[in-house]
């Protein structure tokens, strides 16, 4: 008989440190080794054109402005301010930005170990951390100077504290989680709506309402200064950034999924067909035109080509797991993520579905739906792939035990307390 032990939130935050340190060192060495092997990996376009430009303008005392010197909200503010700190301390160097991402991504591997340990115990946690340490897309983003490593780490830290809050009697971890969810959204706005879904998880648990309320209040308070800045600058309520509507526009037509570059070249013609013109003067007008174009495009398909609209949604839902900006490596990612998702489905079926498990599944589902509605790229899936890997490892572990005719007993805490989930997988 094999047993996955149950842990209290105190144990989850304090033990075992030597394993966490080993995971961190292994992830760090692998990423540093990859960086040494591929020192000239091209810097992400978004970083060069926007994040880096904003950070340098901040250093020069020009404020949060774009390349043209005008105030901007084209990108969420946290990563430019991180680059500001790095450049201030070390000078303008992408190498130190890469090293920062390497360290942050290594910390994320430790957090995934802690989360997996919370969900399924020590054995699955160790295997999950190993899978995350060697997961290729995470390693790639860690040496590419993008906001994804910071965003992914903050998301993991947010979820870890939220899971601890579910098992605690106070509001401490909820408050910490609220701050972290706020910072996560200030890094990338994807998670902006997710905290407002969390009350769905505790409808039957009255003792959690106080913590959830504290989380939401702190979350909104964390976002408020940036929202006030945007309102003062643009005279518009802009929660995080203005770029979301361009993704909404790009995801409104099958042509974008098939040939993004060709669709971009024909953008003027497409806009004209929708009764709009690409003659905007600033990013606010750009945001409005893209939103209107997307809504008109969806409406046109809904009325004249409903089956094509259904096909569009289905294709976007599938492409979320493998589609790349360049179109390269899509076959490899389709195979890799297909196997991971298959194992994850088995793991979800085998798991005891309680509030803790549901919160992680809700996060995965939220990202999937959000980017199916907007524009599906595999880099948008990378922040949730560690959680998919946890369920995938658990599914593979259960499957192996089934084939070896071993009784597996899974024990972990539910929203009512400690619950033993005895499963015979013979």
Foldseek 3Di string as FASTA:
>chain_A
DDEFDADALVCLVPPDVVLLVVLLVLLLVVLVVVCVVCVPDAADPCCVQALVQQLVCVVVVLHRPGPVSAHFQAAQPDSSVVQNVQCVVPNDDVVVLLSVLSNLLSNQLSLLLSLLCQFFHNPLSSVLSVCSSPVPVSSVVSRRNDLLSVLLSLVSQLLSLVLNLLRDQDQVSLLVSLLSLLVSCSSPVLSVCVLVCLVVLCPVPVSCPVNSVNSPVNNVVSQVVVQVVCCVRPVDRDSGHLNQLLLLLLLQDVVSVVDVVVCVVCVQVLLVVLVHGPPDDDSVVVSVSSNSSSVSSNVVCVVPPVVRRVVSLVVQLLQLQAAAPVRPCSVVSSVVVVLLQVLLVLLVVLGDDASSLVSLVSVLVSLSVSCSSGPRHPSSNVSSVSVSNSSSSNSVVLVVCLVVQHWYKTWYAHSVGTDIDTDGSD
